[in-house]
Amino acid sequence: MQIAKVRGTVVSTQKDPSLRGVKLLLLQLVDEEGNTLPQYEVAADTVGAGVDEWVLISRGSAARQILGNEQRPLDAAVVAIIDTIHVQDRLIYSKKDQYR
């Protein structure tokens, strides 16, 4: 899994029929220090994440393990919205503090 920050949404009116009704998010990857990386990813949203939230994404065949995604052509799926991240007794991210 990878940590990422939701930067926006991706809208497509013409797509594979299996992707109808699937919300697509534009994500910017985040490193272990909480710094955003220059890499971006588009992922299916399975948990209702919003812009500026930090999320966990699952990639590859693991993204298709989610119920309902088995036959969808997905490379990545948002599987969790992050509340906090602690690294070596240091708070890297807190959703609660994000909007202060």
PDB file of N, CA and C in Angstrom:
ATOM      1  N   MET A   1       0.837  -1.180   0.000  1.00  0.00           N
ATOM      2  CA  MET A   1       0.000   0.000   0.000  1.00  0.00           C
ATOM      3  C   MET A   1       0.878   1.239   0.000  1.00  0.00           C
ATOM      4  N   GLN A   2       0.287   2.340  -0.419  1.00  0.00           N
ATOM      5  CA  GLN A   2       0.992   3.606  -0.524  1.00  0.00           C
ATOM      6  C   GLN A   2       0.126   4.703   0.085  1.00  0.00           C
ATOM      7  N   ILE A   3       0.775   5.671   0.712  1.00  0.00           N
ATOM      8  CA  ILE A   3       0.068   6.840   1.235  1.00  0.00           C
ATOM      9  C   ILE A   3      -0.007   7.884   0.132  1.00  0.00           C
ATOM     10  N   ALA A   4      -1.156   8.562   0.038  1.00  0.00           N
ATOM     11  CA  ALA A   4      -1.324   9.607  -0.970  1.00  0.00           C
ATOM     12  C   ALA A   4      -2.278  10.675  -0.446  1.00  0.00           C
ATOM     13  N   LYS A   5      -2.215  11.836  -1.072  1.00  0.00           N
ATOM     14  CA  LYS A   5      -3.106  12.952  -0.751  1.00  0.00           C
ATOM     15  C   LYS A   5      -4.034  13.158  -1.947  1.00  0.00           C
ATOM     16  N   VAL A   6      -5.316  13.294  -1.673  1.00  0.00           N
ATOM     17  CA  VAL A   6      -6.288  13.507  -2.748  1.00  0.00           C
ATOM     18  C   VAL A   6      -6.157  14.944  -3.240  1.00  0.00           C
ATOM     19  N   ARG A   7      -5.866  15.086  -4.531  1.00  0.00           N
ATOM     20  CA  ARG A   7      -5.692  16.403  -5.143  1.00  0.00           C
ATOM     21  C   ARG A   7      -6.905  16.842  -5.954  1.00  0.00           C
ATOM     22  N   GLY A   8      -7.697  15.891  -6.415  1.00  0.00           N
ATOM     23  CA  GLY A   8      -8.863  16.258  -7.208  1.00  0.00           C
ATOM     24  C   GLY A   8      -9.581  15.026  -7.727  1.00  0.00           C
ATOM     25  N   THR A   9     -10.530  15.266  -8.609  1.00  0.00           N
ATOM     26  CA  THR A   9     -11.296  14.181  -9.201  1.00  0.00           C
ATOM     27  C   THR A   9     -11.006  14.112 -10.695  1.00  0.00           C
ATOM     28  N   VAL A  10     -11.258  12.957 -11.260  1.00  0.00           N
ATOM     29  CA  VAL A  10     -11.093  12.740 -12.690  1.00  0.00           C
ATOM     30  C   VAL A  10     -12.463  12.334 -13.230  1.00  0.00           C
ATOM     31  N   VAL A  11     -12.954  13.081 -14.201  1.00  0.00           N
ATOM     32  CA  VAL A  11     -14.267  12.807 -14.780  1.00  0.00           C
ATOM     33  C   VAL A  11     -14.091  12.346 -16.216  1.00  0.00           C
ATOM     34  N   SER A  12     -14.777  11.270 -16.554  1.00  0.00           N
ATOM     35  CA  SER A  12     -14.711  10.731 -17.908  1.00  0.00           C
ATOM     36  C   SER A  12     -16.101  10.277 -18.324  1.00  0.00           C
ATOM     37  N   THR A  13     -16.620  10.886 -19.383  1.00  0.00           N
ATOM     38  CA  THR A  13     -17.951  10.487 -19.842  1.00  0.00           C
ATOM     39  C   THR A  13     -17.898   9.235 -20.707  1.00  0.00           C
ATOM     40  N   GLN A  14     -16.782   8.998 -21.364  1.00  0.00           N
ATOM     41  CA  GLN A  14     -16.604   7.798 -22.183  1.00  0.00           C
ATOM     42  C   GLN A  14     -15.583   6.899 -21.498  1.00  0.00           C
ATOM     43  N   LYS A  15     -16.044   5.736 -21.063  1.00  0.00           N
ATOM     44  CA  LYS A  15     -15.142   4.812 -20.376  1.00  0.00           C
ATOM     45  C   LYS A  15     -15.682   3.395 -20.493  1.00  0.00           C
ATOM     46  N   ASP A  16     -14.880   2.454 -20.080  1.00  0.00           N
ATOM     47  CA  ASP A  16     -15.293   1.063 -20.072  1.00  0.00           C
ATOM     48  C   ASP A  16     -16.587   0.943 -19.266  1.00  0.00           C
ATOM     49  N   PRO A  17     -17.563   0.190 -19.782  1.00  0.00           N
ATOM     50  CA  PRO A  17     -18.839   0.065 -19.071  1.00  0.00           C
ATOM     51  C   PRO A  17     -18.708  -0.399 -17.622  1.00  0.00           C
ATOM     52  N   SER A  18     -17.695  -1.184 -17.308  1.00  0.00           N
ATOM     53  CA  SER A  18     -17.531  -1.672 -15.934  1.00  0.00           C
ATOM     54  C   SER A  18     -17.132  -0.551 -14.965  1.00  0.00           C
ATOM     55  N   LEU A  19     -16.716   0.593 -15.513  1.00  0.00           N
ATOM     56  CA  LEU A  19     -16.307   1.717 -14.661  1.00  0.00           C
ATOM     57  C   LEU A  19     -17.419   2.735 -14.443  1.00  0.00           C
ATOM     58  N   ARG A  20     -18.585   2.477 -14.999  1.00  0.00           N
ATOM     59  CA  ARG A  20     -19.712   3.399 -14.777  1.00  0.00           C
ATOM     60  C   ARG A  20     -20.056   3.428 -13.291  1.00  0.00           C
ATOM     61  N   GLY A  21     -20.208   4.633 -12.779  1.00  0.00           N
ATOM     62  CA  GLY A  21     -20.546   4.794 -11.369  1.00  0.00           C
ATOM     63  C   GLY A  21     -19.349   4.756 -10.432  1.00  0.00           C
ATOM     64  N   VAL A  22     -18.149   4.553 -10.971  1.00  0.00           N
ATOM     65  CA  VAL A  22     -16.937   4.508 -10.148  1.00  0.00           C
ATOM     66  C   VAL A  22     -16.339   5.912 -10.079  1.00  0.00           C
ATOM     67  N   LYS A  23     -16.149   6.431  -8.856  1.00  0.00           N
ATOM     68  CA  LYS A  23     -15.522   7.740  -8.662  1.00  0.00           C
ATOM     69  C   LYS A  23     -14.009   7.577  -8.807  1.00  0.00           C
ATOM     70  N   LEU A  24     -13.405   8.426  -9.632  1.00  0.00           N
ATOM     71  CA  LEU A  24     -11.959   8.390  -9.850  1.00  0.00           C
ATOM     72  C   LEU A  24     -11.322   9.614  -9.204  1.00  0.00           C
ATOM     73  N   LEU A  25     -10.224   9.392  -8.492  1.00  0.00           N
ATOM     74  CA  LEU A  25      -9.524  10.467  -7.801  1.00  0.00           C
ATOM     75  C   LEU A  25      -8.115  10.639  -8.340  1.00  0.00           C
ATOM     76  N   LEU A  26      -7.651  11.899  -8.378  1.00  0.00           N
ATOM     77  CA  LEU A  26      -6.262  12.199  -8.701  1.00  0.00           C
ATOM     78  C   LEU A  26      -5.514  12.301  -7.380  1.00  0.00           C
ATOM     79  N   LEU A  27      -4.511  11.464  -7.199  1.00  0.00           N
ATOM     80  CA  LEU A  27      -3.775  11.376  -5.940  1.00  0.00           C
ATOM     81  C   LEU A  27      -2.321  11.772  -6.142  1.00  0.00           C
ATOM     82  N   GLN A  28      -1.759  12.459  -5.158  1.00  0.00           N
ATOM     83  CA  GLN A  28      -0.333  12.752  -5.149  1.00  0.00           C
ATOM     84  C   GLN A  28       0.300  11.906  -4.055  1.00  0.00           C
ATOM     85  N   LEU A  29       1.318  11.149  -4.407  1.00  0.00           N
ATOM     86  CA  LEU A  29       1.957  10.241  -3.450  1.00  0.00           C
ATOM     87  C   LEU A  29       2.694  11.020  -2.368  1.00  0.00           C
ATOM     88  N   VAL A  30       2.800  10.404  -1.178  1.00  0.00           N
ATOM     89  CA  VAL A  30       3.404  11.024   0.004  1.00  0.00           C
ATOM     90  C   VAL A  30       4.485  10.081   0.541  1.00  0.00           C
ATOM     91  N   ASP A  31       5.623  10.654   0.973  1.00  0.00           N
ATOM     92  CA  ASP A  31       6.696   9.819   1.529  1.00  0.00           C
ATOM     93  C   ASP A  31       6.512   9.605   3.028  1.00  0.00           C
ATOM     94  N   GLU A  32       7.448   8.891   3.656  1.00  0.00           N
ATOM     95  CA  GLU A  32       7.331   8.528   5.074  1.00  0.00           C
ATOM     96  C   GLU A  32       7.498   9.706   6.018  1.00  0.00           C
ATOM     97  N   GLU A  33       7.970  10.850   5.496  1.00  0.00           N
ATOM     98  CA  GLU A  33       8.097  12.056   6.309  1.00  0.00           C
ATOM     99  C   GLU A  33       6.887  12.974   6.165  1.00  0.00           C
ATOM    100  N   GLY A  34       5.962  12.596   5.296  1.00  0.00           N
ATOM    101  CA  GLY A  34       4.780  13.412   5.075  1.00  0.00           C
ATOM    102  C   GLY A  34       4.928  14.424   3.959  1.00  0.00           C
ATOM    103  N   ASN A  35       6.024  14.317   3.208  1.00  0.00           N
ATOM    104  CA  ASN A  35       6.259  15.228   2.088  1.00  0.00           C
ATOM    105  C   ASN A  35       5.603  14.684   0.824  1.00  0.00           C
ATOM    106  N   THR A  36       4.964  15.572   0.061  1.00  0.00           N
ATOM    107  CA  THR A  36       4.381  15.119  -1.195  1.00  0.00           C
ATOM    108  C   THR A  36       5.488  14.871  -2.209  1.00  0.00           C
ATOM    109  N   LEU A  37       5.303  13.839  -2.995  1.00  0.00           N
ATOM    110  CA  LEU A  37       6.254  13.456  -4.030  1.00  0.00           C
ATOM    111  C   LEU A  37       5.758  13.958  -5.381  1.00  0.00           C
ATOM    112  N   PRO A  38       6.625  14.013  -6.392  1.00  0.00           N
ATOM    113  CA  PRO A  38       6.183  14.500  -7.701  1.00  0.00           C
ATOM    114  C   PRO A  38       5.327  13.496  -8.481  1.00  0.00           C
ATOM    115  N   GLN A  39       5.135  12.291  -7.959  1.00  0.00           N
ATOM    116  CA  GLN A  39       4.348  11.277  -8.649  1.00  0.00           C
ATOM    117  C   GLN A  39       2.864  11.398  -8.333  1.00  0.00           C
ATOM    118  N   TYR A  40       2.066  11.181  -9.369  1.00  0.00           N
ATOM    119  CA  TYR A  40       0.612  11.199  -9.241  1.00  0.00           C
ATOM    120  C   TYR A  40       0.046   9.856  -9.680  1.00  0.00           C
ATOM    121  N   GLU A  41      -1.156   9.573  -9.233  1.00  0.00           N
ATOM    122  CA  GLU A  41      -1.835   8.312  -9.553  1.00  0.00           C
ATOM    123  C   GLU A  41      -3.328   8.601  -9.654  1.00  0.00           C
ATOM    124  N   VAL A  42      -4.000   7.909 -10.559  1.00  0.00           N
ATOM    125  CA  VAL A  42      -5.457   7.947 -10.609  1.00  0.00           C
ATOM    126  C   VAL A  42      -5.940   6.628 -10.014  1.00  0.00           C
ATOM    127  N   ALA A  43      -6.891   6.713  -9.079  1.00  0.00           N
ATOM    128  CA  ALA A  43      -7.376   5.511  -8.400  1.00  0.00           C
ATOM    129  C   ALA A  43      -8.887   5.561  -8.255  1.00  0.00           C
ATOM    130  N   ALA A  44      -9.491   4.379  -8.249  1.00  0.00           N
ATOM    131  CA  ALA A  44     -10.921   4.264  -7.967  1.00  0.00           C
ATOM    132  C   ALA A  44     -11.124   4.491  -6.472  1.00  0.00           C
ATOM    133  N   ASP A  45     -12.153   5.253  -6.139  1.00  0.00           N
ATOM    134  CA  ASP A  45     -12.447   5.548  -4.742  1.00  0.00           C
ATOM    135  C   ASP A  45     -13.504   4.576  -4.227  1.00  0.00           C
ATOM    136  N   THR A  46     -13.135   3.740  -3.280  1.00  0.00           N
ATOM    137  CA  THR A  46     -14.077   2.764  -2.718  1.00  0.00           C
ATOM    138  C   THR A  46     -14.576   3.159  -1.335  1.00  0.00           C
ATOM    139  N   VAL A  47     -14.072   4.302  -0.797  1.00  0.00           N
ATOM    140  CA  VAL A  47     -14.404   4.674   0.582  1.00  0.00           C
ATOM    141  C   VAL A  47     -15.002   6.075   0.740  1.00  0.00           C
ATOM    142  N   GLY A  48     -15.156   6.816  -0.334  1.00  0.00           N
ATOM    143  CA  GLY A  48     -15.750   8.149  -0.246  1.00  0.00           C
ATOM    144  C   GLY A  48     -14.798   9.235   0.203  1.00  0.00           C
ATOM    145  N   ALA A  49     -13.558   9.182  -0.242  1.00  0.00           N
ATOM    146  CA  ALA A  49     -12.557  10.183   0.140  1.00  0.00           C
ATOM    147  C   ALA A  49     -12.817  11.505  -0.575  1.00  0.00           C
ATOM    148  N   GLY A  50     -12.335  12.595   0.034  1.00  0.00           N
ATOM    149  CA  GLY A  50     -12.501  13.919  -0.541  1.00  0.00           C
ATOM    150  C   GLY A  50     -11.169  14.619  -0.743  1.00  0.00           C
ATOM    151  N   VAL A  51     -11.214  15.748  -1.444  1.00  0.00           N
ATOM    152  CA  VAL A  51     -10.014  16.534  -1.737  1.00  0.00           C
ATOM    153  C   VAL A  51      -9.315  16.935  -0.441  1.00  0.00           C
ATOM    154  N   ASP A  52      -7.999  16.841  -0.440  1.00  0.00           N
ATOM    155  CA  ASP A  52      -7.079  17.155   0.663  1.00  0.00           C
ATOM    156  C   ASP A  52      -6.996  16.074   1.732  1.00  0.00           C
ATOM    157  N   GLU A  53      -7.826  15.036   1.666  1.00  0.00           N
ATOM    158  CA  GLU A  53      -7.689  13.947   2.635  1.00  0.00           C
ATOM    159  C   GLU A  53      -6.496  13.074   2.255  1.00  0.00           C
ATOM    160  N   TRP A  54      -5.898  12.463   3.270  1.00  0.00           N
ATOM    161  CA  TRP A  54      -4.827  11.499   3.051  1.00  0.00           C
ATOM    162  C   TRP A  54      -5.444  10.112   3.059  1.00  0.00           C
ATOM    163  N   VAL A  55      -4.990   9.281   2.135  1.00  0.00           N
ATOM    164  CA  VAL A  55      -5.602   7.974   1.945  1.00  0.00           C
ATOM    165  C   VAL A  55      -4.533   6.903   1.758  1.00  0.00           C
ATOM    166  N   LEU A  56      -4.978   5.644   1.882  1.00  0.00           N
ATOM    167  CA  LEU A  56      -4.145   4.494   1.530  1.00  0.00           C
ATOM    168  C   LEU A  56      -4.647   3.959   0.199  1.00  0.00           C
ATOM    169  N   ILE A  57      -3.710   3.680  -0.690  1.00  0.00           N
ATOM    170  CA  ILE A  57      -4.101   3.083  -1.959  1.00  0.00           C
ATOM    171  C   ILE A  57      -3.484   1.696  -2.083  1.00  0.00           C
ATOM    172  N   SER A  58      -4.236   0.848  -2.719  1.00  0.00           N
ATOM    173  CA  SER A  58      -3.785  -0.499  -3.021  1.00  0.00           C
ATOM    174  C   SER A  58      -3.612  -0.564  -4.529  1.00  0.00           C
ATOM    175  N   ARG A  59      -2.562  -1.244  -4.983  1.00  0.00           N
ATOM    176  CA  ARG A  59      -2.248  -1.267  -6.413  1.00  0.00           C
ATOM    177  C   ARG A  59      -2.251  -2.681  -6.979  1.00  0.00           C
ATOM    178  N   GLY A  60      -2.303  -2.726  -8.297  1.00  0.00           N
ATOM    179  CA  GLY A  60      -2.186  -3.992  -9.020  1.00  0.00           C
ATOM    180  C   GLY A  60      -3.344  -4.925  -8.739  1.00  0.00           C
ATOM    181  N   SER A  61      -3.040  -6.203  -8.676  1.00  0.00           N
ATOM    182  CA  SER A  61      -4.099  -7.195  -8.485  1.00  0.00           C
ATOM    183  C   SER A  61      -4.806  -7.014  -7.144  1.00  0.00           C
ATOM    184  N   ALA A  62      -4.128  -6.436  -6.156  1.00  0.00           N
ATOM    185  CA  ALA A  62      -4.764  -6.194  -4.854  1.00  0.00           C
ATOM    186  C   ALA A  62      -5.913  -5.192  -4.979  1.00  0.00           C
ATOM    187  N   ALA A  63      -5.829  -4.268  -5.941  1.00  0.00           N
ATOM    188  CA  ALA A  63      -6.917  -3.302  -6.145  1.00  0.00           C
ATOM    189  C   ALA A  63      -8.172  -3.991  -6.660  1.00  0.00           C
ATOM    190  N   ARG A  64      -8.001  -5.125  -7.293  1.00  0.00           N
ATOM    191  CA  ARG A  64      -9.147  -5.870  -7.812  1.00  0.00           C
ATOM    192  C   ARG A  64      -9.667  -6.908  -6.818  1.00  0.00           C
ATOM    193  N   GLN A  65      -9.087  -6.985  -5.649  1.00  0.00           N
ATOM    194  CA  GLN A  65      -9.555  -7.897  -4.608  1.00  0.00           C
ATOM    195  C   GLN A  65     -10.760  -7.332  -3.867  1.00  0.00           C
ATOM    196  N   ILE A  66     -11.010  -6.042  -4.035  1.00  0.00           N
ATOM    197  CA  ILE A  66     -12.121  -5.373  -3.369  1.00  0.00           C
ATOM    198  C   ILE A  66     -13.425  -5.850  -3.989  1.00  0.00           C
ATOM    199  N   LEU A  67     -14.381  -6.172  -3.142  1.00  0.00           N
ATOM    200  CA  LEU A  67     -15.674  -6.665  -3.607  1.00  0.00           C
ATOM    201  C   LEU A  67     -16.281  -5.711  -4.631  1.00  0.00           C
ATOM    202  N   GLY A  68     -16.609  -6.236  -5.787  1.00  0.00           N
ATOM    203  CA  GLY A  68     -17.185  -5.444  -6.868  1.00  0.00           C
ATOM    204  C   GLY A  68     -16.178  -4.987  -7.896  1.00  0.00           C
ATOM    205  N   ASN A  69     -14.894  -5.036  -7.572  1.00  0.00           N
ATOM    206  CA  ASN A  69     -13.851  -4.595  -8.504  1.00  0.00           C
ATOM    207  C   ASN A  69     -13.194  -5.746  -9.262  1.00  0.00           C
ATOM    208  N   GLU A  70     -13.625  -6.962  -9.034  1.00  0.00           N
ATOM    209  CA  GLU A  70     -12.935  -8.127  -9.577  1.00  0.00           C
ATOM    210  C   GLU A  70     -12.799  -8.103 -11.095  1.00  0.00           C
ATOM    211  N   GLN A  71     -13.792  -7.557 -11.791  1.00  0.00           N
ATOM    212  CA  GLN A  71     -13.777  -7.553 -13.254  1.00  0.00           C
ATOM    213  C   GLN A  71     -13.515  -6.166 -13.844  1.00  0.00           C
ATOM    214  N   ARG A  72     -13.149  -5.213 -13.002  1.00  0.00           N
ATOM    215  CA  ARG A  72     -12.875  -3.860 -13.494  1.00  0.00           C
ATOM    216  C   ARG A  72     -11.403  -3.713 -13.851  1.00  0.00           C
ATOM    217  N   PRO A  73     -11.102  -2.942 -14.905  1.00  0.00           N
ATOM    218  CA  PRO A  73      -9.705  -2.731 -15.306  1.00  0.00           C
ATOM    219  C   PRO A  73      -9.024  -1.667 -14.433  1.00  0.00           C
ATOM    220  N   LEU A  74      -8.757  -2.005 -13.170  1.00  0.00           N
ATOM    221  CA  LEU A  74      -8.177  -1.057 -12.218  1.00  0.00           C
ATOM    222  C   LEU A  74      -6.732  -1.394 -11.905  1.00  0.00           C
ATOM    223  N   ASP A  75      -5.916  -0.353 -11.791  1.00  0.00           N
ATOM    224  CA  ASP A  75      -4.538  -0.499 -11.319  1.00  0.00           C
ATOM    225  C   ASP A  75      -4.405  -0.059  -9.870  1.00  0.00           C
ATOM    226  N   ALA A  76      -5.323   0.819  -9.423  1.00  0.00           N
ATOM    227  CA  ALA A  76      -5.218   1.357  -8.067  1.00  0.00           C
ATOM    228  C   ALA A  76      -6.607   1.646  -7.514  1.00  0.00           C
ATOM    229  N   ALA A  77      -6.739   1.457  -6.195  1.00  0.00           N
ATOM    230  CA  ALA A  77      -7.999   1.741  -5.511  1.00  0.00           C
ATOM    231  C   ALA A  77      -7.704   2.349  -4.145  1.00  0.00           C
ATOM    232  N   VAL A  78      -8.467   3.378  -3.783  1.00  0.00           N
ATOM    233  CA  VAL A  78      -8.388   3.961  -2.444  1.00  0.00           C
ATOM    234  C   VAL A  78      -9.129   3.009  -1.512  1.00  0.00           C
ATOM    235  N   VAL A  79      -8.423   2.514  -0.490  1.00  0.00           N
ATOM    236  CA  VAL A  79      -9.003   1.514   0.402  1.00  0.00           C
ATOM    237  C   VAL A  79      -9.210   2.017   1.830  1.00  0.00           C
ATOM    238  N   ALA A  80      -8.683   3.207   2.159  1.00  0.00           N
ATOM    239  CA  ALA A  80      -8.849   3.742   3.514  1.00  0.00           C
ATOM    240  C   ALA A  80      -8.587   5.238   3.521  1.00  0.00           C
ATOM    241  N   ILE A  81      -9.278   5.934   4.412  1.00  0.00           N
ATOM    242  CA  ILE A  81      -9.011   7.347   4.684  1.00  0.00           C
ATOM    243  C   ILE A  81      -8.211   7.385   5.984  1.00  0.00           C
ATOM    244  N   ILE A  82      -7.079   8.043   5.957  1.00  0.00           N
ATOM    245  CA  ILE A  82      -6.157   8.038   7.095  1.00  0.00           C
ATOM    246  C   ILE A  82      -6.585   9.065   8.145  1.00  0.00           C
ATOM    247  N   ASP A  83      -6.568   8.641   9.416  1.00  0.00           N
ATOM    248  CA  ASP A  83      -6.829   9.546  10.535  1.00  0.00           C
ATOM    249  C   ASP A  83      -5.523  10.119  11.082  1.00  0.00           C
ATOM    250  N   THR A  84      -4.546   9.248  11.361  1.00  0.00           N
ATOM    251  CA  THR A  84      -3.247   9.704  11.861  1.00  0.00           C
ATOM    252  C   THR A  84      -2.136   8.812  11.329  1.00  0.00           C
ATOM    253  N   ILE A  85      -0.936   9.391  11.286  1.00  0.00           N
ATOM    254  CA  ILE A  85       0.281   8.629  10.965  1.00  0.00           C
ATOM    255  C   ILE A  85       1.335   9.008  11.992  1.00  0.00           C
ATOM    256  N   HIS A  86       1.882   8.008  12.658  1.00  0.00           N
ATOM    257  CA  HIS A  86       2.986   8.190  13.610  1.00  0.00           C
ATOM    258  C   HIS A  86       4.192   7.432  13.088  1.00  0.00           C
ATOM    259  N   VAL A  87       5.359   8.089  13.114  1.00  0.00           N
ATOM    260  CA  VAL A  87       6.609   7.439  12.728  1.00  0.00           C
ATOM    261  C   VAL A  87       7.617   7.720  13.839  1.00  0.00           C
ATOM    262  N   GLN A  88       8.111   6.675  14.466  1.00  0.00           N
ATOM    263  CA  GLN A  88       9.095   6.783  15.547  1.00  0.00           C
ATOM    264  C   GLN A  88       8.671   7.832  16.578  1.00  0.00           C
ATOM    265  N   ASP A  89       7.495   7.660  17.138  1.00  0.00           N
ATOM    266  CA  ASP A  89       6.967   8.541  18.179  1.00  0.00           C
ATOM    267  C   ASP A  89       6.769   9.988  17.733  1.00  0.00           C
ATOM    268  N   ARG A  90       6.710  10.209  16.419  1.00  0.00           N
ATOM    269  CA  ARG A  90       6.489  11.541  15.876  1.00  0.00           C
ATOM    270  C   ARG A  90       5.193  11.533  15.069  1.00  0.00           C
ATOM    271  N   LEU A  91       4.335  12.516  15.300  1.00  0.00           N
ATOM    272  CA  LEU A  91       3.103  12.624  14.538  1.00  0.00           C
ATOM    273  C   LEU A  91       3.420  13.243  13.183  1.00  0.00           C
ATOM    274  N   ILE A  92       3.201  12.483  12.113  1.00  0.00           N
ATOM    275  CA  ILE A  92       3.456  12.957  10.756  1.00  0.00           C
ATOM    276  C   ILE A  92       2.205  13.614  10.175  1.00  0.00           C
ATOM    277  N   TYR A  93       1.053  13.051  10.490  1.00  0.00           N
ATOM    278  CA  TYR A  93      -0.205  13.567   9.938  1.00  0.00           C
ATOM    279  C   TYR A  93      -1.341  13.295  10.904  1.00  0.00           C
ATOM    280  N   SER A  94      -2.234  14.271  11.029  1.00  0.00           N
ATOM    281  CA  SER A  94      -3.462  14.103  11.789  1.00  0.00           C
ATOM    282  C   SER A  94      -4.596  14.768  11.025  1.00  0.00           C
ATOM    283  N   LYS A  95      -5.604  14.015  10.684  1.00  0.00           N
ATOM    284  CA  LYS A  95      -6.747  14.573   9.962  1.00  0.00           C
ATOM    285  C   LYS A  95      -7.410  15.660  10.799  1.00  0.00           C
ATOM    286  N   LYS A  96      -7.456  15.458  12.102  1.00  0.00           N
ATOM    287  CA  LYS A  96      -8.063  16.417  13.008  1.00  0.00           C
ATOM    288  C   LYS A  96      -7.354  17.767  12.955  1.00  0.00           C
ATOM    289  N   ASP A  97      -6.022  17.746  12.863  1.00  0.00           N
ATOM    290  CA  ASP A  97      -5.230  18.982  12.836  1.00  0.00           C
ATOM    291  C   ASP A  97      -5.152  19.618  11.452  1.00  0.00           C
ATOM    292  N   GLN A  98      -5.555  18.894  10.436  1.00  0.00           N
ATOM    293  CA  GLN A  98      -5.420  19.341   9.059  1.00  0.00           C
ATOM    294  C   GLN A  98      -6.167  20.645   8.796  1.00  0.00           C
ATOM    295  N   TYR A  99      -7.318  20.824   9.412  1.00  0.00           N
ATOM    296  CA  TYR A  99      -8.170  21.972   9.102  1.00  0.00           C
ATOM    297  C   TYR A  99      -8.092  23.094  10.130  1.00  0.00           C
ATOM    298  N   ARG A 100      -7.105  23.032  10.993  1.00  0.00           N
ATOM    299  CA  ARG A 100      -6.925  24.102  12.016  1.00  0.00           C
ATOM    300  C   ARG A 100      -6.221  25.280  11.430  1.00  0.00           C
TER     301      ARG A 100
END
